[in-house]
Amino acid sequence: MSRILITGAAGGVGTLLRPRLARPGRTLRLLDVAELTPGEGEEAVQVSVTDLDAMTRACDAVDAVVHLGGISIEAPWAEILDVNINGTWTVFEAARRAGVPRVVFASSNHAVGYHTPDEYPLTAEAPPLPDTYYGVSKVAGEALGALYHHRYGLDVVCIRILTCSPEPPDARALSTWLSPDDCARLMEACLTAPSPGYRIVHGVSGNTRGGWVSLQEAAELGYTPEDDAEVHAAAVLAEHGEPSPDDPLLAHLGGCFTFHTFDADRLGGAADG
């Protein structure tokens, strides 16, 4: 693919992916509300994903859209509705209007956050059980992707990303970690797999302590993880300790996003994972 539009390119995952998706002959068009300085093989567009006209222009001459943009933590409903739900519709509609054939949508494990360990490994067929307004927005994005595939023919791959970070931040992440390099491998598979249609896949590395979600759907697109959080286990457990089996963080896939601190009347925000 010669030109890829990345929304939310200034965010955490976008920043990790920029150098890893660079290829000779490929242009990365970086889009964010924050100002970005493009490097070699990059273009920068400073607009909001909620601006349909601007998004449609940004999609011009693009081979695929990687939609990472949006609020990546829990937030009040009005903000989630505007940026994550309306913004995601705007991205799909802009892609359709501009004739972009493929969208890769950054969904989240929080779309299915209330599923429990007795159901693991979760497959793409697991019914939505969002744990927050943020999780609801990811369910809505997946539904929009299905609509835009079946009605308009776009290829759409939704990645339910777990914990994407340079290293596992805590003991729970030894099971949920998606390394930056594996994230790029998965993204490349989603971008280049021939005619994927509409798919939901999980974004996680091949962790020794994994097994929470299925990697079969991602493997069908050509994804082979090469990293394992276990290489970080000694350091992580020395800092955080081995989690107890009855730790509330392990009671649901969504972890702390299922806690009462995320109730609508006491929103405070927390890191994804």
C-alpha atoms as a PDB file:
ATOM      1  CA  MET A   1       0.000   0.000   0.000  1.00  0.00           C
ATOM      2  CA  SER A   2       1.476   3.309  -1.059  1.00  0.00           C
ATOM      3  CA  ARG A   3      -0.427   5.767   1.163  1.00  0.00           C
ATOM      4  CA  ILE A   4      -1.967   5.019   4.564  1.00  0.00           C
ATOM      5  CA  LEU A   5      -3.909   7.529   6.629  1.00  0.00           C
ATOM      6  CA  ILE A   6      -3.395   7.104  10.384  1.00  0.00           C
ATOM      7  CA  THR A   7      -5.851   8.974  12.603  1.00  0.00           C
ATOM      8  CA  GLY A   8      -4.785   9.705  16.162  1.00  0.00           C
ATOM      9  CA  ALA A   9      -1.191   9.566  14.973  1.00  0.00           C
ATOM     10  CA  ALA A  10       0.053  11.644  17.919  1.00  0.00           C
ATOM     11  CA  GLY A  11      -1.379   9.177  20.463  1.00  0.00           C
ATOM     12  CA  GLY A  12       0.378   6.344  22.217  1.00  0.00           C
ATOM     13  CA  VAL A  13      -0.276   3.571  19.701  1.00  0.00           C
ATOM     14  CA  GLY A  14       0.117   5.929  16.753  1.00  0.00           C
ATOM     15  CA  THR A  15       3.510   7.079  17.982  1.00  0.00           C
ATOM     16  CA  LEU A  16       4.648   3.475  18.403  1.00  0.00           C
ATOM     17  CA  LEU A  17       3.416   2.480  14.932  1.00  0.00           C
ATOM     18  CA  ARG A  18       4.836   5.348  12.865  1.00  0.00           C
ATOM     19  CA  PRO A  19       8.395   4.040  12.524  1.00  0.00           C
ATOM     20  CA  ARG A  20       7.243   0.434  12.391  1.00  0.00           C
ATOM     21  CA  LEU A  21       4.853   0.930   9.466  1.00  0.00           C
ATOM     22  CA  ALA A  22       7.338   2.922   7.405  1.00  0.00           C
ATOM     23  CA  ARG A  23       8.313   1.238   4.133  1.00  0.00           C
ATOM     24  CA  PRO A  24      10.191   2.340   1.007  1.00  0.00           C
ATOM     25  CA  GLY A  25       7.644   3.758  -1.394  1.00  0.00           C
ATOM     26  CA  ARG A  26       4.981   4.102   1.316  1.00  0.00           C
ATOM     27  CA  THR A  27       3.643   7.423   2.587  1.00  0.00           C
ATOM     28  CA  LEU A  28       2.093   7.687   6.036  1.00  0.00           C
ATOM     29  CA  ARG A  29      -0.430  10.510   6.217  1.00  0.00           C
ATOM     30  CA  LEU A  30      -0.573  11.418   9.906  1.00  0.00           C
ATOM     31  CA  LEU A  31      -3.787  12.972  11.215  1.00  0.00           C
ATOM     32  CA  ASP A  32      -4.438  14.371  14.662  1.00  0.00           C
ATOM     33  CA  VAL A  33      -5.838  17.444  16.409  1.00  0.00           C
ATOM     34  CA  ALA A  34      -2.335  17.883  17.828  1.00  0.00           C
ATOM     35  CA  GLU A  35       0.387  19.378  15.684  1.00  0.00           C
ATOM     36  CA  LEU A  36       2.743  16.807  14.183  1.00  0.00           C
ATOM     37  CA  THR A  37       6.083  17.242  12.474  1.00  0.00           C
ATOM     38  CA  PRO A  38       6.282  14.822   9.542  1.00  0.00           C
ATOM     39  CA  GLY A  39       9.479  12.963   8.827  1.00  0.00           C
ATOM     40  CA  GLU A  40      10.692  11.282   5.678  1.00  0.00           C
ATOM     41  CA  GLY A  41       7.870   9.428   3.982  1.00  0.00           C
ATOM     42  CA  GLU A  42       5.234  11.190   6.085  1.00  0.00           C
ATOM     43  CA  GLU A  43       2.572  13.864   5.630  1.00  0.00           C
ATOM     44  CA  ALA A  44       0.770  15.669   8.459  1.00  0.00           C
ATOM     45  CA  VAL A  45      -2.844  16.816   8.625  1.00  0.00           C
ATOM     46  CA  GLN A  46      -4.111  18.715  11.678  1.00  0.00           C
ATOM     47  CA  VAL A  47      -7.880  18.185  11.805  1.00  0.00           C
ATOM     48  CA  SER A  48     -10.473  16.525  13.998  1.00  0.00           C
ATOM     49  CA  VAL A  49     -11.995  13.152  13.174  1.00  0.00           C
ATOM     50  CA  THR A  50     -15.381  14.790  13.790  1.00  0.00           C
ATOM     51  CA  ASP A  51     -14.987  17.138  10.760  1.00  0.00           C
ATOM     52  CA  LEU A  52     -16.495  15.273   7.812  1.00  0.00           C
ATOM     53  CA  ASP A  53     -15.339  17.635   5.067  1.00  0.00           C
ATOM     54  CA  ALA A  54     -11.785  17.740   6.413  1.00  0.00           C
ATOM     55  CA  MET A  55     -11.721  13.975   6.905  1.00  0.00           C
ATOM     56  CA  THR A  56     -12.958  13.400   3.350  1.00  0.00           C
ATOM     57  CA  ARG A  57     -10.135  15.583   2.012  1.00  0.00           C
ATOM     58  CA  ALA A  58      -7.652  13.737   4.207  1.00  0.00           C
ATOM     59  CA  CYS A  59      -8.821  10.431   2.685  1.00  0.00           C
ATOM     60  CA  ASP A  60      -8.054  11.582  -0.863  1.00  0.00           C
ATOM     61  CA  ALA A  61      -5.693   9.198  -2.717  1.00  0.00           C
ATOM     62  CA  VAL A  62      -5.410   6.923   0.316  1.00  0.00           C
ATOM     63  CA  ASP A  63      -5.185   3.124   0.057  1.00  0.00           C
ATOM     64  CA  ALA A  64      -6.264   2.420   3.639  1.00  0.00           C
ATOM     65  CA  VAL A  65      -7.232   4.178   6.853  1.00  0.00           C
ATOM     66  CA  VAL A  66      -5.925   3.081  10.240  1.00  0.00           C
ATOM     67  CA  HIS A  67      -8.377   4.627  12.683  1.00  0.00           C
ATOM     68  CA  LEU A  68      -6.724   5.082  16.067  1.00  0.00           C
ATOM     69  CA  GLY A  69      -8.131   8.535  16.834  1.00  0.00           C
ATOM     70  CA  GLY A  70     -10.431   9.190  19.757  1.00  0.00           C
ATOM     71  CA  ILE A  71     -10.605   9.309  23.526  1.00  0.00           C
ATOM     72  CA  SER A  72      -8.635   6.321  24.822  1.00  0.00           C
ATOM     73  CA  ILE A  73      -9.894   6.375  28.425  1.00  0.00           C
ATOM     74  CA  GLU A  74     -13.297   6.523  30.055  1.00  0.00           C
ATOM     75  CA  ALA A  75     -14.951   9.930  29.809  1.00  0.00           C
ATOM     76  CA  PRO A  76     -18.392  11.533  30.178  1.00  0.00           C
ATOM     77  CA  TRP A  77     -20.989  10.290  27.712  1.00  0.00           C
ATOM     78  CA  ALA A  78     -21.212  13.511  25.710  1.00  0.00           C
ATOM     79  CA  GLU A  79     -17.466  13.421  24.983  1.00  0.00           C
ATOM     80  CA  ILE A  80     -17.474   9.735  24.074  1.00  0.00           C
ATOM     81  CA  LEU A  81     -20.500  10.253  21.833  1.00  0.00           C
ATOM     82  CA  ASP A  82     -18.944  13.190  19.994  1.00  0.00           C
ATOM     83  CA  VAL A  83     -15.393  11.980  19.467  1.00  0.00           C
ATOM     84  CA  ASN A  84     -15.495   8.188  19.615  1.00  0.00           C
ATOM     85  CA  ILE A  85     -18.894   7.391  18.134  1.00  0.00           C
ATOM     86  CA  ASN A  86     -19.674  10.314  15.834  1.00  0.00           C
ATOM     87  CA  GLY A  87     -15.971  10.603  15.004  1.00  0.00           C
ATOM     88  CA  THR A  88     -15.784   6.944  13.993  1.00  0.00           C
ATOM     89  CA  TRP A  89     -18.867   7.313  11.797  1.00  0.00           C
ATOM     90  CA  THR A  90     -17.177  10.329  10.228  1.00  0.00           C
ATOM     91  CA  VAL A  91     -14.052   8.299   9.444  1.00  0.00           C
ATOM     92  CA  PHE A  92     -16.034   5.500   7.784  1.00  0.00           C
ATOM     93  CA  GLU A  93     -18.194   7.924   5.850  1.00  0.00           C
ATOM     94  CA  ALA A  94     -15.193   9.963   4.709  1.00  0.00           C
ATOM     95  CA  ALA A  95     -13.454   6.786   3.560  1.00  0.00           C
ATOM     96  CA  ARG A  96     -16.556   5.773   1.621  1.00  0.00           C
ATOM     97  CA  ARG A  97     -16.908   9.174  -0.034  1.00  0.00           C
ATOM     98  CA  ALA A  98     -13.228   9.245  -0.985  1.00  0.00           C
ATOM     99  CA  GLY A  99     -13.252   5.700  -2.321  1.00  0.00           C
ATOM    100  CA  VAL A 100     -10.842   4.260   0.246  1.00  0.00           C
ATOM    101  CA  PRO A 101     -11.175   0.459   0.022  1.00  0.00           C
ATOM    102  CA  ARG A 102     -10.045  -0.554   3.525  1.00  0.00           C
ATOM    103  CA  VAL A 103     -10.357   0.662   7.131  1.00  0.00           C
ATOM    104  CA  VAL A 104      -8.576  -0.881  10.094  1.00  0.00           C
ATOM    105  CA  PHE A 105     -10.409   0.154  13.254  1.00  0.00           C
ATOM    106  CA  ALA A 106      -8.721   0.156  16.649  1.00  0.00           C
ATOM    107  CA  SER A 107     -11.324  -1.483  18.833  1.00  0.00           C
ATOM    108  CA  SER A 108     -10.567  -2.693  22.359  1.00  0.00           C
ATOM    109  CA  ASN A 109     -10.926  -5.528  24.816  1.00  0.00           C
ATOM    110  CA  HIS A 110     -13.269  -3.122  26.636  1.00  0.00           C
ATOM    111  CA  ALA A 111     -15.911  -3.889  24.000  1.00  0.00           C
ATOM    112  CA  VAL A 112     -16.155  -7.274  25.728  1.00  0.00           C
ATOM    113  CA  GLY A 113     -14.819  -6.249  29.126  1.00  0.00           C
ATOM    114  CA  TYR A 114     -17.430  -7.962  31.299  1.00  0.00           C
ATOM    115  CA  HIS A 115     -16.610 -11.441  30.032  1.00  0.00           C
ATOM    116  CA  THR A 116     -15.074 -13.677  32.705  1.00  0.00           C
ATOM    117  CA  PRO A 117     -12.158 -16.150  32.827  1.00  0.00           C
ATOM    118  CA  ASP A 118     -14.431 -19.181  32.600  1.00  0.00           C
ATOM    119  CA  GLU A 119     -15.176 -18.044  29.037  1.00  0.00           C
ATOM    120  CA  TYR A 120     -11.544 -17.752  27.919  1.00  0.00           C
ATOM    121  CA  PRO A 121     -10.214 -17.800  25.312  1.00  0.00           C
ATOM    122  CA  LEU A 122     -12.702 -15.318  23.915  1.00  0.00           C
ATOM    123  CA  THR A 123     -13.195 -15.541  20.171  1.00  0.00           C
ATOM    124  CA  ALA A 124     -14.462 -12.932  17.758  1.00  0.00           C
ATOM    125  CA  GLU A 125     -17.893 -14.488  18.221  1.00  0.00           C
ATOM    126  CA  ALA A 126     -18.089 -13.420  21.882  1.00  0.00           C
ATOM    127  CA  PRO A 127     -21.107 -11.115  22.294  1.00  0.00           C
ATOM    128  CA  PRO A 128     -20.452  -7.489  23.198  1.00  0.00           C
ATOM    129  CA  LEU A 129     -20.263  -6.843  26.941  1.00  0.00           C
ATOM    130  CA  PRO A 130     -18.793  -3.338  27.183  1.00  0.00           C
ATOM    131  CA  ASP A 131     -17.474  -2.247  30.549  1.00  0.00           C
ATOM    132  CA  THR A 132     -17.640   1.550  30.105  1.00  0.00           C
ATOM    133  CA  TYR A 133     -18.905   4.280  27.805  1.00  0.00           C
ATOM    134  CA  TYR A 134     -15.501   3.894  26.142  1.00  0.00           C
ATOM    135  CA  GLY A 135     -16.253   0.203  25.613  1.00  0.00           C
ATOM    136  CA  VAL A 136     -19.674   1.069  24.207  1.00  0.00           C
ATOM    137  CA  SER A 137     -17.985   3.328  21.670  1.00  0.00           C
ATOM    138  CA  LYS A 138     -15.850   0.418  20.499  1.00  0.00           C
ATOM    139  CA  VAL A 139     -18.925  -1.789  20.094  1.00  0.00           C
ATOM    140  CA  ALA A 140     -20.504   1.010  18.060  1.00  0.00           C
ATOM    141  CA  GLY A 141     -17.374   1.286  15.924  1.00  0.00           C
ATOM    142  CA  GLU A 142     -17.406  -2.439  15.210  1.00  0.00           C
ATOM    143  CA  ALA A 143     -21.082  -2.191  14.240  1.00  0.00           C
ATOM    144  CA  LEU A 144     -20.350   0.724  11.923  1.00  0.00           C
ATOM    145  CA  GLY A 145     -17.572  -1.302  10.342  1.00  0.00           C
ATOM    146  CA  ALA A 146     -20.007  -4.152   9.686  1.00  0.00           C
ATOM    147  CA  LEU A 147     -22.503  -1.749   8.130  1.00  0.00           C
ATOM    148  CA  TYR A 148     -19.925  -0.099   5.884  1.00  0.00           C
ATOM    149  CA  HIS A 149     -18.656  -3.484   4.727  1.00  0.00           C
ATOM    150  CA  HIS A 150     -22.016  -5.062   3.986  1.00  0.00           C
ATOM    151  CA  ARG A 151     -23.694  -1.966   2.545  1.00  0.00           C
ATOM    152  CA  TYR A 152     -20.772  -0.291   0.767  1.00  0.00           C
ATOM    153  CA  GLY A 153     -18.192  -3.028   0.270  1.00  0.00           C
ATOM    154  CA  LEU A 154     -15.350  -1.636   2.366  1.00  0.00           C
ATOM    155  CA  ASP A 155     -12.901  -4.148   3.756  1.00  0.00           C
ATOM    156  CA  VAL A 156     -12.981  -3.564   7.530  1.00  0.00           C
ATOM    157  CA  VAL A 157     -10.810  -5.186  10.183  1.00  0.00           C
ATOM    158  CA  CYS A 158     -11.529  -4.352  13.832  1.00  0.00           C
ATOM    159  CA  ILE A 159      -8.663  -5.055  16.231  1.00  0.00           C
ATOM    160  CA  ARG A 160      -9.638  -5.564  19.858  1.00  0.00           C
ATOM    161  CA  ILE A 161      -6.376  -4.237  21.268  1.00  0.00           C
ATOM    162  CA  LEU A 162      -5.405  -5.308  24.773  1.00  0.00           C
ATOM    163  CA  THR A 163      -2.364  -3.683  26.486  1.00  0.00           C
ATOM    164  CA  CYS A 164      -0.157  -2.070  23.844  1.00  0.00           C
ATOM    165  CA  SER A 165       2.881  -0.521  25.512  1.00  0.00           C
ATOM    166  CA  PRO A 166       6.671  -0.730  25.244  1.00  0.00           C
ATOM    167  CA  GLU A 167       6.743  -3.119  28.232  1.00  0.00           C
ATOM    168  CA  PRO A 168       4.042  -4.769  30.378  1.00  0.00           C
ATOM    169  CA  PRO A 169       3.092  -2.129  32.981  1.00  0.00           C
ATOM    170  CA  ASP A 170       1.923  -4.565  35.675  1.00  0.00           C
ATOM    171  CA  ALA A 171       1.411  -8.247  36.487  1.00  0.00           C
ATOM    172  CA  ARG A 172      -1.962  -8.445  34.734  1.00  0.00           C
ATOM    173  CA  ALA A 173      -0.334  -7.251  31.536  1.00  0.00           C
ATOM    174  CA  LEU A 174       1.861 -10.348  31.475  1.00  0.00           C
ATOM    175  CA  SER A 175      -1.290 -11.918  30.009  1.00  0.00           C
ATOM    176  CA  THR A 176      -2.619  -8.976  27.965  1.00  0.00           C
ATOM    177  CA  TRP A 177       0.533  -7.352  26.558  1.00  0.00           C
ATOM    178  CA  LEU A 178       0.758  -6.441  22.883  1.00  0.00           C
ATOM    179  CA  SER A 179       4.318  -5.426  22.101  1.00  0.00           C
ATOM    180  CA  PRO A 180       4.831  -2.494  19.719  1.00  0.00           C
ATOM    181  CA  ASP A 181       6.561  -4.771  17.218  1.00  0.00           C
ATOM    182  CA  ASP A 182       3.728  -7.311  17.339  1.00  0.00           C
ATOM    183  CA  CYS A 183       1.233  -4.470  17.039  1.00  0.00           C
ATOM    184  CA  ALA A 184       2.941  -3.440  13.822  1.00  0.00           C
ATOM    185  CA  ARG A 185       3.009  -7.047  12.582  1.00  0.00           C
ATOM    186  CA  LEU A 186      -0.712  -7.344  13.233  1.00  0.00           C
ATOM    187  CA  MET A 187      -1.452  -4.000  11.615  1.00  0.00           C
ATOM    188  CA  GLU A 188       0.567  -4.961   8.539  1.00  0.00           C
ATOM    189  CA  ALA A 189      -1.394  -8.200   8.276  1.00  0.00           C
ATOM    190  CA  CYS A 190      -4.682  -6.291   8.525  1.00  0.00           C
ATOM    191  CA  LEU A 191      -3.533  -3.850   5.846  1.00  0.00           C
ATOM    192  CA  THR A 192      -2.237  -6.399   3.351  1.00  0.00           C
ATOM    193  CA  ALA A 193      -4.389  -9.532   3.727  1.00  0.00           C
ATOM    194  CA  PRO A 194      -6.233 -10.076   0.439  1.00  0.00           C
ATOM    195  CA  SER A 195      -9.943  -9.220   0.629  1.00  0.00           C
ATOM    196  CA  PRO A 196     -10.491  -9.679   4.380  1.00  0.00           C
ATOM    197  CA  GLY A 197     -14.129  -8.578   4.199  1.00  0.00           C
ATOM    198  CA  TYR A 198     -15.355  -7.778   7.705  1.00  0.00           C
ATOM    199  CA  ARG A 199     -13.299  -9.219  10.558  1.00  0.00           C
ATOM    200  CA  ILE A 200     -12.835  -8.855  14.292  1.00  0.00           C
ATOM    201  CA  VAL A 201      -9.429  -9.954  15.588  1.00  0.00           C
ATOM    202  CA  HIS A 202      -7.628  -9.678  18.911  1.00  0.00           C
ATOM    203  CA  GLY A 203      -4.471  -7.660  19.426  1.00  0.00           C
ATOM    204  CA  VAL A 204      -2.133  -9.435  21.829  1.00  0.00           C
ATOM    205  CA  SER A 205       1.344 -10.958  21.757  1.00  0.00           C
ATOM    206  CA  GLY A 206       2.080 -14.662  22.114  1.00  0.00           C
ATOM    207  CA  ASN A 207       2.350 -14.463  25.879  1.00  0.00           C
ATOM    208  CA  THR A 208       3.178 -17.525  27.963  1.00  0.00           C
ATOM    209  CA  ARG A 209       0.536 -16.381  30.451  1.00  0.00           C
ATOM    210  CA  GLY A 210      -1.928 -15.552  27.701  1.00  0.00           C
ATOM    211  CA  GLY A 211      -4.881 -17.552  26.487  1.00  0.00           C
ATOM    212  CA  TRP A 212      -7.436 -14.928  27.474  1.00  0.00           C
ATOM    213  CA  VAL A 213      -8.411 -14.282  23.848  1.00  0.00           C
ATOM    214  CA  SER A 214      -8.155 -16.250  20.630  1.00  0.00           C
ATOM    215  CA  LEU A 215      -5.432 -15.462  18.116  1.00  0.00           C
ATOM    216  CA  GLN A 216      -6.934 -17.735  15.467  1.00  0.00           C
ATOM    217  CA  GLU A 217      -8.787 -14.933  13.681  1.00  0.00           C
ATOM    218  CA  ALA A 218      -5.634 -12.800  13.483  1.00  0.00           C
ATOM    219  CA  ALA A 219      -3.611 -15.796  12.303  1.00  0.00           C
ATOM    220  CA  GLU A 220      -6.041 -16.211   9.414  1.00  0.00           C
ATOM    221  CA  LEU A 221      -4.955 -12.772   8.219  1.00  0.00           C
ATOM    222  CA  GLY A 222      -1.284 -13.726   8.431  1.00  0.00           C
ATOM    223  CA  TYR A 223      -0.391 -12.473  11.918  1.00  0.00           C
ATOM    224  CA  THR A 224       2.324 -14.392  13.737  1.00  0.00           C
ATOM    225  CA  PRO A 225       3.338 -12.846  17.081  1.00  0.00           C
ATOM    226  CA  GLU A 226       7.043 -12.974  17.885  1.00  0.00           C
ATOM    227  CA  ASP A 227       7.098 -11.428  21.355  1.00  0.00           C
ATOM    228  CA  ASP A 228       6.230 -12.791  24.801  1.00  0.00           C
ATOM    229  CA  ALA A 229       5.662 -10.760  27.959  1.00  0.00           C
ATOM    230  CA  GLU A 230       7.428 -13.505  29.911  1.00  0.00           C
ATOM    231  CA  VAL A 231      10.800 -11.924  29.121  1.00  0.00           C
ATOM    232  CA  HIS A 232       9.676  -9.053  31.378  1.00  0.00           C
ATOM    233  CA  ALA A 233       8.069 -11.240  34.057  1.00  0.00           C
ATOM    234  CA  ALA A 234      10.922 -11.224  36.599  1.00  0.00           C
ATOM    235  CA  ALA A 235      11.149  -7.431  36.629  1.00  0.00           C
ATOM    236  CA  VAL A 236       7.375  -6.905  36.636  1.00  0.00           C
ATOM    237  CA  LEU A 237       6.747  -9.387  39.458  1.00  0.00           C
ATOM    238  CA  ALA A 238       9.643  -7.999  41.498  1.00  0.00           C
ATOM    239  CA  GLU A 239       7.925  -4.605  41.387  1.00  0.00           C
ATOM    240  CA  HIS A 240       4.266  -5.614  41.601  1.00  0.00           C
ATOM    241  CA  GLY A 241       4.236  -9.124  43.057  1.00  0.00           C
ATOM    242  CA  GLU A 242       2.466 -12.239  41.803  1.00  0.00           C
ATOM    243  CA  PRO A 243      -1.287 -11.500  41.539  1.00  0.00           C
ATOM    244  CA  SER A 244      -3.666 -13.492  43.707  1.00  0.00           C
ATOM    245  CA  PRO A 245      -6.152 -15.680  41.793  1.00  0.00           C
ATOM    246  CA  ASP A 246      -8.989 -13.771  43.469  1.00  0.00           C
ATOM    247  CA  ASP A 247      -7.575 -10.350  42.584  1.00  0.00           C
ATOM    248  CA  PRO A 248     -10.532  -8.250  41.314  1.00  0.00           C
ATOM    249  CA  LEU A 249      -8.351  -7.125  38.403  1.00  0.00           C
ATOM    250  CA  LEU A 250      -8.544 -10.678  37.074  1.00  0.00           C
ATOM    251  CA  ALA A 251     -12.294 -11.148  37.509  1.00  0.00           C
ATOM    252  CA  HIS A 252     -13.158  -9.746  34.077  1.00  0.00           C
ATOM    253  CA  LEU A 253     -11.355  -9.148  30.809  1.00  0.00           C
ATOM    254  CA  GLY A 254     -11.830  -5.407  31.294  1.00  0.00           C
ATOM    255  CA  GLY A 255      -9.868  -5.339  34.548  1.00  0.00           C
ATOM    256  CA  CYS A 256     -10.212  -2.063  36.452  1.00  0.00           C
ATOM    257  CA  PHE A 257     -12.611  -0.672  33.829  1.00  0.00           C
ATOM    258  CA  THR A 258     -15.311  -2.790  35.476  1.00  0.00           C
ATOM    259  CA  PHE A 259     -14.720  -1.164  38.899  1.00  0.00           C
ATOM    260  CA  HIS A 260     -17.226   1.239  40.465  1.00  0.00           C
ATOM    261  CA  THR A 261     -14.690   4.070  40.057  1.00  0.00           C
ATOM    262  CA  PHE A 262     -15.751   4.125  36.399  1.00  0.00           C
ATOM    263  CA  ASP A 263     -19.409   4.767  37.206  1.00  0.00           C
ATOM    264  CA  ALA A 264     -20.841   7.755  35.383  1.00  0.00           C
ATOM    265  CA  ASP A 265     -21.051   9.911  38.510  1.00  0.00           C
ATOM    266  CA  ARG A 266     -17.401   9.467  39.486  1.00  0.00           C
ATOM    267  CA  LEU A 267     -15.426   9.426  36.250  1.00  0.00           C
ATOM    268  CA  GLY A 268     -11.723   9.876  36.804  1.00  0.00           C
ATOM    269  CA  GLY A 269     -10.038   8.187  33.856  1.00  0.00           C
ATOM    270  CA  ALA A 270      -7.374   5.484  33.754  1.00  0.00           C
ATOM    271  CA  ALA A 271      -4.926   4.013  31.311  1.00  0.00           C
ATOM    272  CA  ASP A 272      -6.159   1.438  28.798  1.00  0.00           C
ATOM    273  CA  GLY A 273      -5.313  -2.192  29.349  1.00  0.00           C
END
